[in-house]
């Protein structure tokens, strides 16, 4: 899958739905990420639009025509795309913790974690490891 996240800093909340409706011309898989984000899954639309670069270019052109400022980023998962859009398209491991908008940010900072990469490097609990292994097993 390929997700495109659009981050609209300072966008009035009432505009998000109309931008989502506009984005449906690129794919029917559009999700609101209030208060200032939009996620679209574009894998199935790439061929029609001429590839990832052309599709992202069409999004950027359309937004510019509507005079809407947005940061765009792509990733294989919606969360990663959104975090990258919020963090100036940096690699996931270098993004500041603030892009995650976690409630426990103070906790993470208290244990010396300041980036998404450091969160991802934290050890899993035994139950988390079992769940991760069971998800990784191929279905029979």
Protein backbone atom coordinates (compact mmCIF):
# COMPACT_ATOMS: atom_id res chain seq x y z
CA UNK A 1 0.00 0.00 0.00
CA UNK A 2 1.03 3.58 -0.51
CA UNK A 3 -0.42 6.32 1.64
CA UNK A 4 -0.22 10.05 1.07
CA UNK A 5 -0.70 12.28 4.07
CA UNK A 6 -1.63 15.91 3.72
CA UNK A 7 -0.95 18.11 6.73
CA UNK A 8 -2.63 21.53 6.81
CA UNK A 9 -1.14 23.64 9.61
CA UNK A 10 -3.58 26.31 10.71
CA UNK A 11 -6.44 25.06 8.53
CA UNK A 12 -9.92 25.94 9.81
CA UNK A 13 -11.51 22.63 10.86
CA UNK A 14 -14.58 23.28 8.70
CA UNK A 15 -12.46 23.07 5.52
CA UNK A 16 -11.10 19.57 6.10
CA UNK A 17 -14.22 17.78 4.84
CA UNK A 18 -14.39 19.78 1.62
CA UNK A 19 -10.72 19.03 0.91
CA UNK A 20 -11.43 15.34 1.57
CA UNK A 21 -14.26 15.45 -0.98
CA UNK A 22 -11.89 17.05 -3.49
CA UNK A 23 -9.28 14.33 -2.82
CA UNK A 24 -11.79 11.62 -3.81
CA UNK A 25 -10.94 12.36 -7.45
CA UNK A 26 -7.61 10.64 -6.81
CA UNK A 27 -8.90 7.63 -4.87
CA UNK A 28 -12.03 6.60 -2.97
CA UNK A 29 -9.86 5.70 0.03
CA UNK A 30 -9.79 9.03 1.88
CA UNK A 31 -9.73 9.42 5.66
CA UNK A 32 -9.99 12.53 7.80
CA UNK A 33 -7.33 13.01 10.45
CA UNK A 34 -8.75 15.95 12.44
CA UNK A 35 -7.98 18.64 13.15
CA UNK A 36 -5.45 19.26 10.37
CA UNK A 37 -4.75 16.13 8.37
CA UNK A 38 -6.00 13.95 5.57
CA UNK A 39 -4.89 10.44 4.62
CA UNK A 40 -5.37 8.92 1.19
CA UNK A 41 -4.42 5.43 0.04
CA UNK A 42 -3.27 5.71 -3.58
CA UNK A 43 -1.70 2.37 -4.57
CA UNK A 44 -4.61 1.52 -6.89
CA UNK A 45 -4.49 4.96 -8.53
CA UNK A 46 -0.79 5.11 -9.38
CA UNK A 47 -1.04 3.62 -12.85
CA UNK A 48 -3.95 5.87 -13.83
CA UNK A 49 -2.10 9.03 -12.76
CA UNK A 50 1.28 7.97 -14.18
CA UNK A 51 3.08 6.92 -11.01
CA UNK A 52 3.72 8.21 -7.53
CA UNK A 53 5.60 11.35 -8.56
CA UNK A 54 2.88 12.43 -11.01
CA UNK A 55 0.06 11.73 -8.55
CA UNK A 56 1.73 13.70 -5.76
CA UNK A 57 2.38 16.47 -8.28
CA UNK A 58 -1.31 16.53 -9.22
CA UNK A 59 -2.24 16.79 -5.53
CA UNK A 60 0.21 19.65 -5.01
CA UNK A 61 -1.01 21.46 -8.14
CA UNK A 62 -4.66 21.14 -7.12
CA UNK A 63 -3.98 22.41 -3.61
CA UNK A 64 -1.98 25.34 -4.99
CA UNK A 65 -4.85 26.23 -7.33
CA UNK A 66 -7.18 26.28 -4.32
CA UNK A 67 -4.57 28.35 -2.44
CA UNK A 68 -4.32 25.76 0.33
CA UNK A 69 -0.93 25.31 1.97
CA UNK A 70 -0.13 21.70 2.82
CA UNK A 71 2.79 19.46 3.61
CA UNK A 72 2.62 16.12 1.76
CA UNK A 73 4.44 12.88 2.52
CA UNK A 74 4.20 9.28 1.39
CA UNK A 75 4.79 6.03 3.27
CA UNK A 76 3.58 2.42 3.24
CA UNK A 77 1.40 3.01 6.33
CA UNK A 78 -1.00 5.85 7.14
CA UNK A 79 0.60 6.74 10.49
CA UNK A 80 4.10 6.90 9.01
CA UNK A 81 2.88 9.13 6.17
CA UNK A 82 1.10 11.44 8.59
CA UNK A 83 4.08 11.70 10.93
CA UNK A 84 6.39 12.43 7.99
CA UNK A 85 4.01 15.13 6.69
CA UNK A 86 3.97 16.74 10.13
CA UNK A 87 7.76 16.50 10.36
CA UNK A 88 8.94 18.13 7.11
CA UNK A 89 9.24 14.77 5.32
CA UNK A 90 12.23 13.65 7.36
CA UNK A 91 13.03 9.94 7.54
CA UNK A 92 10.78 8.24 10.10
CA UNK A 93 13.63 7.52 12.52
CA UNK A 94 14.67 11.19 12.65
CA UNK A 95 11.24 12.70 13.27
CA UNK A 96 10.74 14.51 16.57
CA UNK A 97 8.43 12.83 19.06
CA UNK A 98 5.97 15.73 18.75
CA UNK A 99 4.76 14.51 15.31
CA UNK A 100 3.14 11.51 17.03
CA UNK A 101 0.96 13.76 19.22
CA UNK A 102 1.02 11.20 22.01
CA UNK A 103 -0.59 11.99 25.33
CA UNK A 104 2.43 10.63 27.21
CA UNK A 105 5.06 12.77 25.50
CA UNK A 106 6.34 13.94 28.89
CA UNK A 107 6.85 10.30 29.91
CA UNK A 108 8.88 9.54 26.80
CA UNK A 109 10.99 12.67 27.26
CA UNK A 110 11.50 11.67 30.89
CA UNK A 111 13.10 8.38 29.83
CA UNK A 112 15.27 10.12 27.24
CA UNK A 113 13.19 9.40 24.13
CA UNK A 114 12.94 12.35 21.75
CA UNK A 115 12.44 10.84 18.27
CA UNK A 116 10.12 8.39 16.56
CA UNK A 117 13.16 6.22 15.88
CA UNK A 118 13.87 5.98 19.60
CA UNK A 119 10.25 5.00 20.27
CA UNK A 120 10.50 2.27 17.63
CA UNK A 121 13.72 1.01 19.22
CA UNK A 122 12.14 0.52 22.65
CA UNK A 123 12.02 -3.14 23.68
CA UNK A 124 8.68 -4.93 23.39
CA UNK A 125 7.04 -6.62 26.35
CA UNK A 126 6.68 -10.43 26.11
CA UNK A 127 2.98 -10.20 25.19
CA UNK A 128 3.77 -7.68 22.46
CA UNK A 129 6.37 -10.05 21.00
CA UNK A 130 3.84 -12.91 20.87
CA UNK A 131 1.29 -10.73 19.09
CA UNK A 132 3.92 -9.48 16.62
CA UNK A 133 5.03 -13.07 15.85
CA UNK A 134 1.47 -14.30 15.37
CA UNK A 135 0.77 -11.44 12.92
CA UNK A 136 3.92 -12.27 10.99
CA UNK A 137 2.99 -15.94 10.46
CA UNK A 138 1.57 -16.72 7.02
CA UNK A 139 -2.05 -17.81 6.98
CA UNK A 140 -2.63 -21.44 5.92
